[in-house]
N, C-alpha and C. Protein backbone atom coordinates (compact mmCIF):
# COMPACT_ATOMS: atom_id res chain seq x y z
N MET A 1 -51.07 -58.76 -61.42
CA MET A 1 -50.75 -57.43 -60.99
C MET A 1 -51.41 -57.16 -59.64
N SER A 2 -50.64 -56.61 -58.72
CA SER A 2 -51.18 -56.38 -57.38
C SER A 2 -51.72 -54.96 -57.28
N THR A 3 -52.72 -54.83 -56.49
CA THR A 3 -53.33 -53.52 -56.27
C THR A 3 -52.78 -52.90 -55.00
N PRO A 4 -52.90 -51.61 -54.84
CA PRO A 4 -52.40 -50.97 -53.62
C PRO A 4 -53.07 -51.53 -52.36
N THR A 5 -54.26 -52.01 -52.44
CA THR A 5 -54.96 -52.56 -51.28
C THR A 5 -54.28 -53.84 -50.83
N GLN A 6 -53.86 -54.66 -51.73
CA GLN A 6 -53.20 -55.90 -51.36
C GLN A 6 -51.86 -55.60 -50.67
N ASN A 7 -51.10 -54.64 -51.15
CA ASN A 7 -49.85 -54.27 -50.49
C ASN A 7 -50.10 -53.77 -49.06
N PHE A 8 -51.16 -53.04 -48.92
CA PHE A 8 -51.48 -52.51 -47.60
C PHE A 8 -51.81 -53.65 -46.63
N LYS A 9 -52.55 -54.63 -47.10
CA LYS A 9 -52.88 -55.77 -46.25
C LYS A 9 -51.64 -56.57 -45.92
N HIS A 10 -50.72 -56.65 -46.84
CA HIS A 10 -49.49 -57.39 -46.59
C HIS A 10 -48.69 -56.73 -45.46
N GLN A 11 -48.62 -55.41 -45.47
CA GLN A 11 -47.90 -54.71 -44.41
C GLN A 11 -48.65 -54.83 -43.09
N ASP A 12 -49.94 -54.93 -43.16
CA ASP A 12 -50.76 -55.01 -41.95
C ASP A 12 -50.58 -56.34 -41.24
N THR A 13 -50.16 -57.34 -41.90
CA THR A 13 -50.01 -58.65 -41.29
C THR A 13 -48.74 -58.75 -40.45
N GLN A 14 -47.81 -57.79 -40.59
CA GLN A 14 -46.58 -57.81 -39.81
C GLN A 14 -46.91 -57.39 -38.38
N PRO A 15 -46.37 -58.08 -37.36
CA PRO A 15 -46.65 -57.70 -35.96
C PRO A 15 -46.11 -56.30 -35.66
N TRP A 16 -46.79 -55.58 -34.79
CA TRP A 16 -46.44 -54.18 -34.50
C TRP A 16 -45.04 -54.05 -33.89
N TYR A 17 -44.62 -55.01 -33.10
CA TYR A 17 -43.33 -54.89 -32.42
C TYR A 17 -42.15 -55.13 -33.37
N LYS A 18 -42.41 -55.60 -34.58
CA LYS A 18 -41.34 -55.78 -35.55
C LYS A 18 -41.19 -54.57 -36.46
N ASN A 19 -42.06 -53.61 -36.34
CA ASN A 19 -41.98 -52.41 -37.14
C ASN A 19 -40.99 -51.46 -36.46
N TYR A 20 -39.91 -51.09 -37.14
CA TYR A 20 -38.86 -50.26 -36.54
C TYR A 20 -39.37 -48.87 -36.16
N MET A 21 -40.37 -48.34 -36.86
CA MET A 21 -40.92 -47.02 -36.54
C MET A 21 -41.60 -47.05 -35.17
N VAL A 22 -42.30 -48.11 -34.87
CA VAL A 22 -42.96 -48.24 -33.57
C VAL A 22 -41.92 -48.38 -32.47
N VAL A 23 -40.92 -49.21 -32.71
CA VAL A 23 -39.89 -49.45 -31.70
C VAL A 23 -39.12 -48.17 -31.42
N ILE A 24 -38.76 -47.42 -32.43
CA ILE A 24 -37.95 -46.21 -32.24
C ILE A 24 -38.79 -45.06 -31.68
N PHE A 25 -39.89 -44.73 -32.34
CA PHE A 25 -40.61 -43.50 -32.01
C PHE A 25 -41.69 -43.67 -30.95
N VAL A 26 -42.34 -44.80 -30.87
CA VAL A 26 -43.42 -44.97 -29.91
C VAL A 26 -42.90 -45.53 -28.58
N ILE A 27 -41.91 -46.39 -28.63
CA ILE A 27 -41.40 -47.00 -27.40
C ILE A 27 -40.04 -46.42 -27.02
N GLY A 28 -39.13 -46.35 -27.98
CA GLY A 28 -37.75 -45.97 -27.69
C GLY A 28 -37.57 -44.56 -27.18
N LEU A 29 -38.09 -43.57 -27.89
CA LEU A 29 -37.90 -42.18 -27.47
C LEU A 29 -38.56 -41.87 -26.13
N PRO A 30 -39.80 -42.26 -25.88
CA PRO A 30 -40.36 -42.00 -24.54
C PRO A 30 -39.60 -42.72 -23.42
N ALA A 31 -39.14 -43.93 -23.69
CA ALA A 31 -38.35 -44.65 -22.67
C ALA A 31 -37.04 -43.92 -22.40
N PHE A 32 -36.39 -43.43 -23.45
CA PHE A 32 -35.16 -42.67 -23.29
C PHE A 32 -35.40 -41.39 -22.47
N VAL A 33 -36.49 -40.70 -22.75
CA VAL A 33 -36.81 -39.46 -22.03
C VAL A 33 -37.06 -39.75 -20.55
N VAL A 34 -37.77 -40.81 -20.24
CA VAL A 34 -38.03 -41.17 -18.84
C VAL A 34 -36.72 -41.49 -18.12
N VAL A 35 -35.86 -42.28 -18.74
CA VAL A 35 -34.57 -42.62 -18.12
C VAL A 35 -33.72 -41.36 -17.95
N ALA A 36 -33.69 -40.49 -18.96
CA ALA A 36 -32.91 -39.25 -18.86
C ALA A 36 -33.45 -38.35 -17.76
N CYS A 37 -34.75 -38.24 -17.60
CA CYS A 37 -35.35 -37.42 -16.54
C CYS A 37 -34.98 -37.96 -15.16
N ILE A 38 -35.06 -39.26 -14.99
CA ILE A 38 -34.69 -39.86 -13.70
C ILE A 38 -33.22 -39.58 -13.40
N TRP A 39 -32.36 -39.72 -14.41
CA TRP A 39 -30.94 -39.46 -14.19
C TRP A 39 -30.70 -37.98 -13.84
N PHE A 40 -31.36 -37.04 -14.54
CA PHE A 40 -31.17 -35.61 -14.25
C PHE A 40 -31.68 -35.23 -12.87
N VAL A 41 -32.79 -35.83 -12.44
CA VAL A 41 -33.29 -35.56 -11.08
C VAL A 41 -32.27 -36.06 -10.06
N TYR A 42 -31.77 -37.24 -10.24
CA TYR A 42 -30.76 -37.79 -9.32
C TYR A 42 -29.51 -36.92 -9.33
N TYR A 43 -29.03 -36.54 -10.51
CA TYR A 43 -27.81 -35.74 -10.63
C TYR A 43 -27.99 -34.36 -10.02
N SER A 44 -29.14 -33.73 -10.26
CA SER A 44 -29.36 -32.39 -9.69
C SER A 44 -29.46 -32.46 -8.18
N TYR A 45 -29.97 -33.54 -7.63
CA TYR A 45 -30.01 -33.69 -6.18
C TYR A 45 -28.59 -33.86 -5.62
N GLN A 46 -27.74 -34.57 -6.32
CA GLN A 46 -26.37 -34.80 -5.87
C GLN A 46 -25.53 -33.52 -5.88
N ILE A 47 -25.73 -32.65 -6.86
CA ILE A 47 -24.91 -31.44 -6.97
C ILE A 47 -25.70 -30.19 -6.59
N ARG A 48 -26.73 -30.30 -5.80
CA ARG A 48 -27.57 -29.14 -5.46
C ARG A 48 -26.72 -28.03 -4.85
N ASP A 49 -27.16 -26.81 -5.10
CA ASP A 49 -26.47 -25.64 -4.58
C ASP A 49 -26.73 -25.53 -3.09
N SER A 50 -25.70 -25.15 -2.36
CA SER A 50 -25.89 -24.90 -0.94
C SER A 50 -26.25 -23.44 -0.76
N VAL A 51 -27.04 -23.16 0.27
CA VAL A 51 -27.37 -21.78 0.55
C VAL A 51 -26.17 -21.12 1.21
N VAL A 52 -26.00 -19.85 0.95
CA VAL A 52 -24.84 -19.16 1.51
C VAL A 52 -24.97 -19.08 3.02
N ARG A 53 -26.13 -18.72 3.50
CA ARG A 53 -26.38 -18.70 4.94
C ARG A 53 -27.72 -19.35 5.18
N ASP A 54 -27.82 -20.10 6.25
CA ASP A 54 -29.07 -20.79 6.55
C ASP A 54 -30.21 -19.82 6.85
N ASP A 55 -29.89 -18.68 7.44
CA ASP A 55 -30.93 -17.72 7.80
C ASP A 55 -31.00 -16.55 6.83
N TRP A 56 -30.69 -16.79 5.58
CA TRP A 56 -30.66 -15.73 4.59
C TRP A 56 -31.99 -15.02 4.50
N TYR A 57 -33.09 -15.75 4.50
CA TYR A 57 -34.40 -15.12 4.39
C TYR A 57 -34.68 -14.25 5.61
N MET A 58 -34.30 -14.73 6.76
CA MET A 58 -34.47 -13.94 7.97
C MET A 58 -33.58 -12.70 7.93
N ASP A 59 -32.39 -12.80 7.38
CA ASP A 59 -31.54 -11.62 7.23
C ASP A 59 -32.24 -10.58 6.38
N GLY A 60 -32.90 -11.05 5.32
CA GLY A 60 -33.60 -10.12 4.44
C GLY A 60 -34.76 -9.43 5.15
N LYS A 61 -35.45 -10.12 6.01
CA LYS A 61 -36.56 -9.52 6.74
C LYS A 61 -36.08 -8.52 7.78
N THR A 62 -34.89 -8.71 8.33
CA THR A 62 -34.40 -7.81 9.38
C THR A 62 -33.31 -6.88 8.87
N LEU A 63 -33.29 -6.66 7.58
CA LEU A 63 -32.26 -5.83 6.98
C LEU A 63 -32.23 -4.43 7.58
N TYR A 64 -33.38 -3.80 7.75
CA TYR A 64 -33.40 -2.45 8.25
C TYR A 64 -33.00 -2.38 9.72
N HIS A 65 -33.27 -3.39 10.47
CA HIS A 65 -32.83 -3.44 11.86
C HIS A 65 -31.31 -3.54 11.94
N ASP A 66 -30.70 -4.34 11.08
CA ASP A 66 -29.26 -4.53 11.09
C ASP A 66 -28.48 -3.31 10.60
N VAL A 67 -29.10 -2.43 9.87
CA VAL A 67 -28.41 -1.26 9.34
C VAL A 67 -27.93 -0.36 10.47
N SER A 68 -28.55 -0.44 11.62
CA SER A 68 -28.14 0.41 12.74
C SER A 68 -26.70 0.11 13.17
N ARG A 69 -26.27 -1.13 13.05
CA ARG A 69 -24.90 -1.49 13.39
C ARG A 69 -23.91 -0.86 12.42
N ASP A 70 -24.26 -0.84 11.14
CA ASP A 70 -23.41 -0.21 10.14
C ASP A 70 -23.39 1.31 10.32
N LYS A 71 -24.53 1.87 10.69
CA LYS A 71 -24.59 3.32 10.92
C LYS A 71 -23.74 3.70 12.12
N LEU A 72 -23.73 2.89 13.16
CA LEU A 72 -22.90 3.17 14.33
C LEU A 72 -21.42 3.17 13.95
N THR A 73 -21.02 2.25 13.08
CA THR A 73 -19.64 2.22 12.59
C THR A 73 -19.31 3.54 11.89
N HIS A 74 -20.23 4.03 11.09
CA HIS A 74 -20.03 5.30 10.40
C HIS A 74 -20.00 6.46 11.41
N ASP A 75 -20.93 6.47 12.35
CA ASP A 75 -21.00 7.56 13.33
C ASP A 75 -19.76 7.61 14.22
N LEU A 76 -19.19 6.45 14.55
CA LEU A 76 -17.99 6.42 15.38
C LEU A 76 -16.72 6.59 14.55
N ASP A 77 -16.87 6.61 13.23
CA ASP A 77 -15.75 6.74 12.28
C ASP A 77 -14.69 5.67 12.51
N LEU A 78 -15.15 4.42 12.62
CA LEU A 78 -14.25 3.29 12.85
C LEU A 78 -13.69 2.78 11.53
N HIS A 79 -12.44 2.40 11.57
CA HIS A 79 -11.77 1.82 10.41
C HIS A 79 -11.01 0.59 10.89
N GLY A 80 -10.68 -0.27 9.98
CA GLY A 80 -9.91 -1.46 10.34
C GLY A 80 -9.03 -1.92 9.20
N LYS A 81 -7.97 -2.63 9.59
CA LYS A 81 -7.08 -3.20 8.59
C LYS A 81 -6.78 -4.63 9.02
N MET A 82 -7.00 -5.57 8.10
CA MET A 82 -6.76 -6.98 8.39
C MET A 82 -5.62 -7.48 7.50
N GLN A 83 -4.68 -8.16 8.13
CA GLN A 83 -3.58 -8.77 7.40
C GLN A 83 -3.73 -10.28 7.50
N LEU A 84 -3.68 -10.94 6.36
CA LEU A 84 -3.87 -12.39 6.31
C LEU A 84 -2.58 -13.03 5.81
N ALA A 85 -2.03 -13.94 6.58
CA ALA A 85 -0.81 -14.66 6.18
C ALA A 85 -1.18 -15.97 5.51
N ASP A 86 -0.26 -16.51 4.75
CA ASP A 86 -0.50 -17.78 4.05
C ASP A 86 -0.71 -18.95 5.00
N ASN A 87 -0.14 -18.88 6.21
CA ASN A 87 -0.28 -19.98 7.17
C ASN A 87 -1.57 -19.91 7.97
N GLY A 88 -2.43 -18.93 7.70
CA GLY A 88 -3.71 -18.83 8.37
C GLY A 88 -3.75 -17.83 9.52
N ASP A 89 -2.63 -17.17 9.81
CA ASP A 89 -2.62 -16.16 10.87
C ASP A 89 -3.32 -14.89 10.37
N ILE A 90 -4.20 -14.37 11.22
CA ILE A 90 -4.91 -13.14 10.90
C ILE A 90 -4.57 -12.11 11.97
N VAL A 91 -4.20 -10.91 11.55
CA VAL A 91 -3.97 -9.80 12.46
C VAL A 91 -4.91 -8.68 12.02
N PHE A 92 -5.70 -8.18 12.98
CA PHE A 92 -6.67 -7.11 12.69
C PHE A 92 -6.33 -5.91 13.55
N TYR A 93 -6.32 -4.73 12.93
CA TYR A 93 -6.07 -3.48 13.64
C TYR A 93 -7.34 -2.65 13.64
N LEU A 94 -7.88 -2.37 14.82
CA LEU A 94 -9.07 -1.54 14.98
C LEU A 94 -8.61 -0.10 15.16
N ASN A 95 -8.97 0.75 14.23
CA ASN A 95 -8.49 2.13 14.22
C ASN A 95 -9.63 3.10 14.58
N TYR A 96 -9.48 3.74 15.74
CA TYR A 96 -10.39 4.80 16.14
C TYR A 96 -9.92 6.10 15.50
N PRO A 97 -10.82 7.08 15.34
CA PRO A 97 -10.39 8.36 14.76
C PRO A 97 -9.44 9.10 15.70
N GLU A 98 -8.64 9.98 15.15
CA GLU A 98 -7.65 10.74 15.92
C GLU A 98 -8.29 11.54 17.05
N GLN A 99 -9.45 12.10 16.77
CA GLN A 99 -10.18 12.88 17.78
C GLN A 99 -10.52 12.02 19.00
N SER A 100 -10.95 10.79 18.77
CA SER A 100 -11.28 9.89 19.88
C SER A 100 -10.04 9.49 20.65
N LEU A 101 -8.94 9.27 19.97
CA LEU A 101 -7.69 8.89 20.65
C LEU A 101 -7.18 10.02 21.53
N GLN A 102 -7.33 11.26 21.10
CA GLN A 102 -6.85 12.40 21.89
C GLN A 102 -7.74 12.67 23.09
N SER A 103 -9.07 12.54 22.90
CA SER A 103 -10.00 12.86 23.99
C SER A 103 -10.23 11.67 24.92
N GLY A 104 -9.95 10.46 24.47
CA GLY A 104 -10.22 9.27 25.28
C GLY A 104 -11.68 8.86 25.26
N LYS A 105 -12.45 9.49 24.38
CA LYS A 105 -13.88 9.16 24.26
C LYS A 105 -14.22 8.94 22.80
N LEU A 106 -15.16 8.03 22.58
CA LEU A 106 -15.65 7.81 21.22
C LEU A 106 -16.47 9.01 20.80
N LEU A 107 -16.80 9.11 19.54
CA LEU A 107 -17.55 10.25 19.02
C LEU A 107 -18.96 10.33 19.58
N ASN A 108 -19.47 9.23 20.15
CA ASN A 108 -20.80 9.27 20.78
C ASN A 108 -20.70 9.58 22.29
N GLY A 109 -19.49 9.83 22.80
CA GLY A 109 -19.31 10.25 24.19
C GLY A 109 -18.95 9.13 25.15
N THR A 110 -19.00 7.88 24.74
CA THR A 110 -18.64 6.78 25.65
C THR A 110 -17.12 6.67 25.74
N PRO A 111 -16.62 6.17 26.86
CA PRO A 111 -15.16 6.05 27.01
C PRO A 111 -14.56 5.12 25.95
N LEU A 112 -13.38 5.48 25.48
CA LEU A 112 -12.69 4.69 24.46
C LEU A 112 -12.02 3.49 25.13
N THR A 113 -12.45 2.31 24.75
CA THR A 113 -11.82 1.07 25.21
C THR A 113 -11.75 0.11 24.03
N TYR A 114 -10.80 -0.78 24.09
CA TYR A 114 -10.69 -1.81 23.06
C TYR A 114 -11.36 -3.07 23.59
N PRO A 115 -12.34 -3.61 22.87
CA PRO A 115 -13.01 -4.83 23.34
C PRO A 115 -12.02 -5.99 23.48
N GLU A 116 -12.32 -6.91 24.38
CA GLU A 116 -11.45 -8.07 24.59
C GLU A 116 -11.46 -9.02 23.40
N LYS A 117 -12.59 -9.04 22.67
CA LYS A 117 -12.68 -9.91 21.49
C LYS A 117 -13.60 -9.27 20.46
N LEU A 118 -13.36 -9.64 19.23
CA LEU A 118 -14.20 -9.24 18.11
C LEU A 118 -14.56 -10.50 17.33
N GLU A 119 -15.73 -10.50 16.72
CA GLU A 119 -16.16 -11.63 15.92
C GLU A 119 -15.84 -11.36 14.45
N LEU A 120 -15.23 -12.33 13.81
CA LEU A 120 -14.92 -12.26 12.39
C LEU A 120 -15.69 -13.35 11.67
N SER A 121 -16.48 -12.94 10.69
CA SER A 121 -17.24 -13.88 9.88
C SER A 121 -16.72 -13.79 8.45
N ILE A 122 -16.27 -14.92 7.92
CA ILE A 122 -15.78 -15.01 6.55
C ILE A 122 -16.73 -15.94 5.80
N SER A 123 -17.56 -15.36 4.92
CA SER A 123 -18.58 -16.13 4.22
C SER A 123 -18.25 -16.21 2.74
N HIS A 124 -18.12 -17.43 2.24
CA HIS A 124 -17.88 -17.65 0.82
C HIS A 124 -19.13 -17.26 0.04
N ALA A 125 -18.95 -16.74 -1.16
CA ALA A 125 -20.08 -16.25 -1.95
C ALA A 125 -21.04 -17.36 -2.36
N THR A 126 -20.56 -18.59 -2.57
CA THR A 126 -21.44 -19.65 -3.06
C THR A 126 -21.37 -20.96 -2.29
N ASP A 127 -20.35 -21.20 -1.50
CA ASP A 127 -20.17 -22.51 -0.88
C ASP A 127 -20.14 -22.38 0.64
N ILE A 128 -21.18 -22.87 1.29
CA ILE A 128 -21.30 -22.75 2.75
C ILE A 128 -20.21 -23.54 3.48
N LYS A 129 -19.65 -24.55 2.84
CA LYS A 129 -18.60 -25.35 3.48
C LYS A 129 -17.31 -24.56 3.66
N LYS A 130 -17.16 -23.46 2.94
CA LYS A 130 -15.95 -22.65 3.04
C LYS A 130 -16.12 -21.44 3.98
N ASP A 131 -17.28 -21.33 4.62
CA ASP A 131 -17.51 -20.25 5.57
C ASP A 131 -16.71 -20.50 6.85
N ARG A 132 -16.23 -19.44 7.45
CA ARG A 132 -15.47 -19.53 8.70
C ARG A 132 -15.93 -18.44 9.65
N ASP A 133 -16.12 -18.79 10.92
CA ASP A 133 -16.40 -17.83 11.99
C ASP A 133 -15.27 -17.94 12.99
N VAL A 134 -14.65 -16.80 13.29
CA VAL A 134 -13.45 -16.78 14.12
C VAL A 134 -13.60 -15.68 15.18
N VAL A 135 -13.01 -15.91 16.34
CA VAL A 135 -12.97 -14.88 17.37
C VAL A 135 -11.58 -14.25 17.34
N LEU A 136 -11.55 -12.94 17.14
CA LEU A 136 -10.30 -12.19 17.16
C LEU A 136 -10.02 -11.77 18.61
N GLN A 137 -8.93 -12.24 19.17
CA GLN A 137 -8.57 -11.93 20.56
C GLN A 137 -7.70 -10.68 20.61
N HIS A 138 -7.98 -9.84 21.61
CA HIS A 138 -7.21 -8.60 21.81
C HIS A 138 -5.81 -8.96 22.27
N VAL A 139 -4.80 -8.44 21.58
CA VAL A 139 -3.40 -8.70 21.92
C VAL A 139 -2.85 -7.52 22.71
N GLU A 140 -2.82 -6.36 22.09
CA GLU A 140 -2.36 -5.14 22.74
C GLU A 140 -2.79 -3.95 21.90
N GLY A 141 -2.99 -2.81 22.54
CA GLY A 141 -3.37 -1.60 21.81
C GLY A 141 -4.57 -1.85 20.93
N ASN A 142 -4.40 -1.60 19.64
CA ASN A 142 -5.51 -1.81 18.70
C ASN A 142 -5.36 -3.11 17.90
N LYS A 143 -4.50 -4.01 18.36
CA LYS A 143 -4.16 -5.23 17.61
C LYS A 143 -4.95 -6.43 18.13
N TYR A 144 -5.50 -7.19 17.18
CA TYR A 144 -6.24 -8.43 17.46
C TYR A 144 -5.66 -9.52 16.58
N SER A 145 -5.75 -10.76 17.05
CA SER A 145 -5.22 -11.85 16.22
C SER A 145 -6.09 -13.10 16.35
N ALA A 146 -5.96 -13.94 15.35
CA ALA A 146 -6.68 -15.23 15.31
C ALA A 146 -5.99 -16.13 14.30
N GLN A 147 -6.40 -17.37 14.29
CA GLN A 147 -5.90 -18.37 13.35
C GLN A 147 -7.11 -18.97 12.64
N VAL A 148 -7.02 -19.08 11.30
CA VAL A 148 -8.13 -19.64 10.53
C VAL A 148 -7.56 -20.46 9.38
N ASP A 149 -8.25 -21.55 9.06
CA ASP A 149 -7.86 -22.41 7.95
C ASP A 149 -8.70 -22.01 6.74
N MET A 150 -8.08 -21.34 5.77
CA MET A 150 -8.79 -20.84 4.60
C MET A 150 -8.52 -21.73 3.39
N ASP A 151 -9.45 -21.72 2.47
CA ASP A 151 -9.30 -22.43 1.20
C ASP A 151 -8.30 -21.66 0.33
N PRO A 152 -7.31 -22.33 -0.26
CA PRO A 152 -6.28 -21.61 -1.04
C PRO A 152 -6.76 -21.14 -2.41
N VAL A 153 -7.93 -21.58 -2.86
CA VAL A 153 -8.43 -21.17 -4.18
C VAL A 153 -9.03 -19.77 -4.07
N LYS A 154 -8.61 -18.88 -4.95
CA LYS A 154 -9.09 -17.49 -4.90
C LYS A 154 -10.57 -17.45 -5.24
N ALA A 155 -11.34 -16.78 -4.35
CA ALA A 155 -12.78 -16.68 -4.55
C ALA A 155 -13.31 -15.45 -3.83
N LYS A 156 -14.56 -15.12 -4.10
CA LYS A 156 -15.21 -13.97 -3.49
C LYS A 156 -15.72 -14.34 -2.11
N TYR A 157 -15.41 -13.48 -1.12
CA TYR A 157 -15.84 -13.68 0.26
C TYR A 157 -16.48 -12.40 0.80
N TYR A 158 -17.44 -12.58 1.71
CA TYR A 158 -18.04 -11.48 2.45
C TYR A 158 -17.43 -11.50 3.84
N LEU A 159 -16.75 -10.42 4.21
CA LEU A 159 -16.07 -10.33 5.50
C LEU A 159 -16.85 -9.40 6.41
N GLN A 160 -16.94 -9.79 7.67
CA GLN A 160 -17.63 -8.96 8.64
C GLN A 160 -16.90 -9.05 9.97
N VAL A 161 -16.50 -7.90 10.51
CA VAL A 161 -15.92 -7.81 11.84
C VAL A 161 -16.93 -7.08 12.69
N SER A 162 -17.27 -7.64 13.85
CA SER A 162 -18.30 -7.02 14.67
C SER A 162 -17.95 -7.08 16.15
N ASN A 163 -18.54 -6.15 16.87
CA ASN A 163 -18.41 -6.08 18.32
C ASN A 163 -19.81 -6.22 18.89
N ASP A 164 -20.01 -7.20 19.73
CA ASP A 164 -21.33 -7.41 20.32
C ASP A 164 -21.40 -6.86 21.74
N GLY A 165 -20.57 -5.87 22.05
CA GLY A 165 -20.56 -5.29 23.39
C GLY A 165 -21.55 -4.15 23.52
N GLN A 166 -21.20 -3.17 24.36
CA GLN A 166 -22.06 -2.02 24.59
C GLN A 166 -22.27 -1.24 23.29
N ASP A 167 -21.19 -0.99 22.57
CA ASP A 167 -21.30 -0.37 21.25
C ASP A 167 -21.33 -1.49 20.22
N ASP A 168 -22.54 -1.80 19.77
CA ASP A 168 -22.79 -2.95 18.90
C ASP A 168 -22.61 -2.53 17.44
N TRP A 169 -21.36 -2.53 16.96
CA TRP A 169 -21.07 -2.10 15.60
C TRP A 169 -20.57 -3.27 14.77
N ARG A 170 -20.51 -3.05 13.46
CA ARG A 170 -19.91 -4.04 12.56
C ARG A 170 -19.32 -3.34 11.35
N MET A 171 -18.25 -3.93 10.83
CA MET A 171 -17.61 -3.47 9.60
C MET A 171 -17.76 -4.58 8.57
N GLN A 172 -18.03 -4.19 7.33
CA GLN A 172 -18.21 -5.18 6.28
C GLN A 172 -17.33 -4.84 5.09
N HIS A 173 -16.94 -5.90 4.39
CA HIS A 173 -16.15 -5.71 3.17
C HIS A 173 -16.33 -6.96 2.30
N VAL A 174 -16.27 -6.77 1.00
CA VAL A 174 -16.31 -7.87 0.04
C VAL A 174 -14.94 -7.92 -0.63
N ALA A 175 -14.31 -9.10 -0.61
CA ALA A 175 -12.96 -9.21 -1.16
C ALA A 175 -12.74 -10.58 -1.76
N LYS A 176 -11.80 -10.64 -2.69
CA LYS A 176 -11.35 -11.93 -3.22
C LYS A 176 -10.19 -12.40 -2.36
N LEU A 177 -10.36 -13.54 -1.74
CA LEU A 177 -9.32 -14.11 -0.88
C LEU A 177 -8.78 -15.35 -1.55
N PRO A 178 -7.56 -15.76 -1.31
CA PRO A 178 -6.60 -15.16 -0.38
C PRO A 178 -5.95 -13.91 -0.95
N ARG A 179 -5.66 -12.99 -0.04
CA ARG A 179 -4.89 -11.80 -0.31
C ARG A 179 -4.23 -11.37 0.98
N SER A 180 -3.26 -10.52 0.91
CA SER A 180 -2.46 -10.21 2.10
C SER A 180 -3.09 -9.17 3.00
N GLU A 181 -3.93 -8.27 2.47
CA GLU A 181 -4.46 -7.20 3.29
C GLU A 181 -5.86 -6.80 2.84
N VAL A 182 -6.72 -6.50 3.82
CA VAL A 182 -8.08 -6.03 3.55
C VAL A 182 -8.32 -4.82 4.44
N ASN A 183 -8.82 -3.73 3.85
CA ASN A 183 -9.13 -2.52 4.61
C ASN A 183 -10.64 -2.40 4.80
N PHE A 184 -11.05 -2.09 6.02
CA PHE A 184 -12.45 -1.90 6.36
C PHE A 184 -12.71 -0.42 6.59
N ASN A 185 -13.72 0.10 5.93
CA ASN A 185 -14.11 1.51 6.09
C ASN A 185 -15.61 1.56 6.33
N PRO A 186 -16.10 2.62 6.98
CA PRO A 186 -17.55 2.75 7.15
C PRO A 186 -18.24 2.81 5.80
N LEU A 187 -19.46 2.32 5.74
CA LEU A 187 -20.20 2.34 4.49
C LEU A 187 -20.49 3.79 4.09
N PRO A 188 -20.19 4.17 2.86
CA PRO A 188 -20.38 5.58 2.44
C PRO A 188 -21.84 5.97 2.29
N VAL A 189 -22.74 5.05 2.34
CA VAL A 189 -24.16 5.36 2.15
C VAL A 189 -24.69 6.27 3.26
N PHE A 190 -24.03 6.28 4.42
CA PHE A 190 -24.50 7.08 5.54
C PHE A 190 -23.92 8.50 5.53
N ALA A 191 -22.99 8.77 4.64
CA ALA A 191 -22.39 10.10 4.59
C ALA A 191 -23.44 11.09 4.10
N LYS A 192 -23.54 12.23 4.79
CA LYS A 192 -24.52 13.25 4.41
C LYS A 192 -23.97 14.08 3.27
N SER A 193 -24.79 14.35 2.31
CA SER A 193 -24.36 15.13 1.14
C SER A 193 -24.36 16.61 1.44
């Protein structure tokens, strides 16, 4: 008759690498975790998120400085309408208020003129490769036009039309593109209650 001590010694004589518990739990699982971690690090580097704008942090620091451009848009009561065609043609209409058109002066007293060009920035919400910067050329009256190659997949975009001339204003809008028309209005945050 064998005693429990003899059975224990018998198991002890087996080499450690032949014990399936050691192979699975002491060697196998940690090795699997190391390989999985290396693969996840490699994979996360390959699909890393792109920043929407390279100077996003700087935009955040100068937010209050930039608000003056939006306030000027509100003070001048500027509006705009952009029409986007499927072939990439963009037509933008810069609309001054009726009072300015009749008097020939903007609401701040400067003479009413249409700038020769306007800057259009189309920024995709998540993918920097889909961002587009375009110059809108003055055609006639309040009409501007440009050509841009847009992604056909519907997505959220941040649109900005700006004038970097004497009256340094900008209009902003958030829209899902592609769509046929986008209306720009002054930000209502500046309206006095």
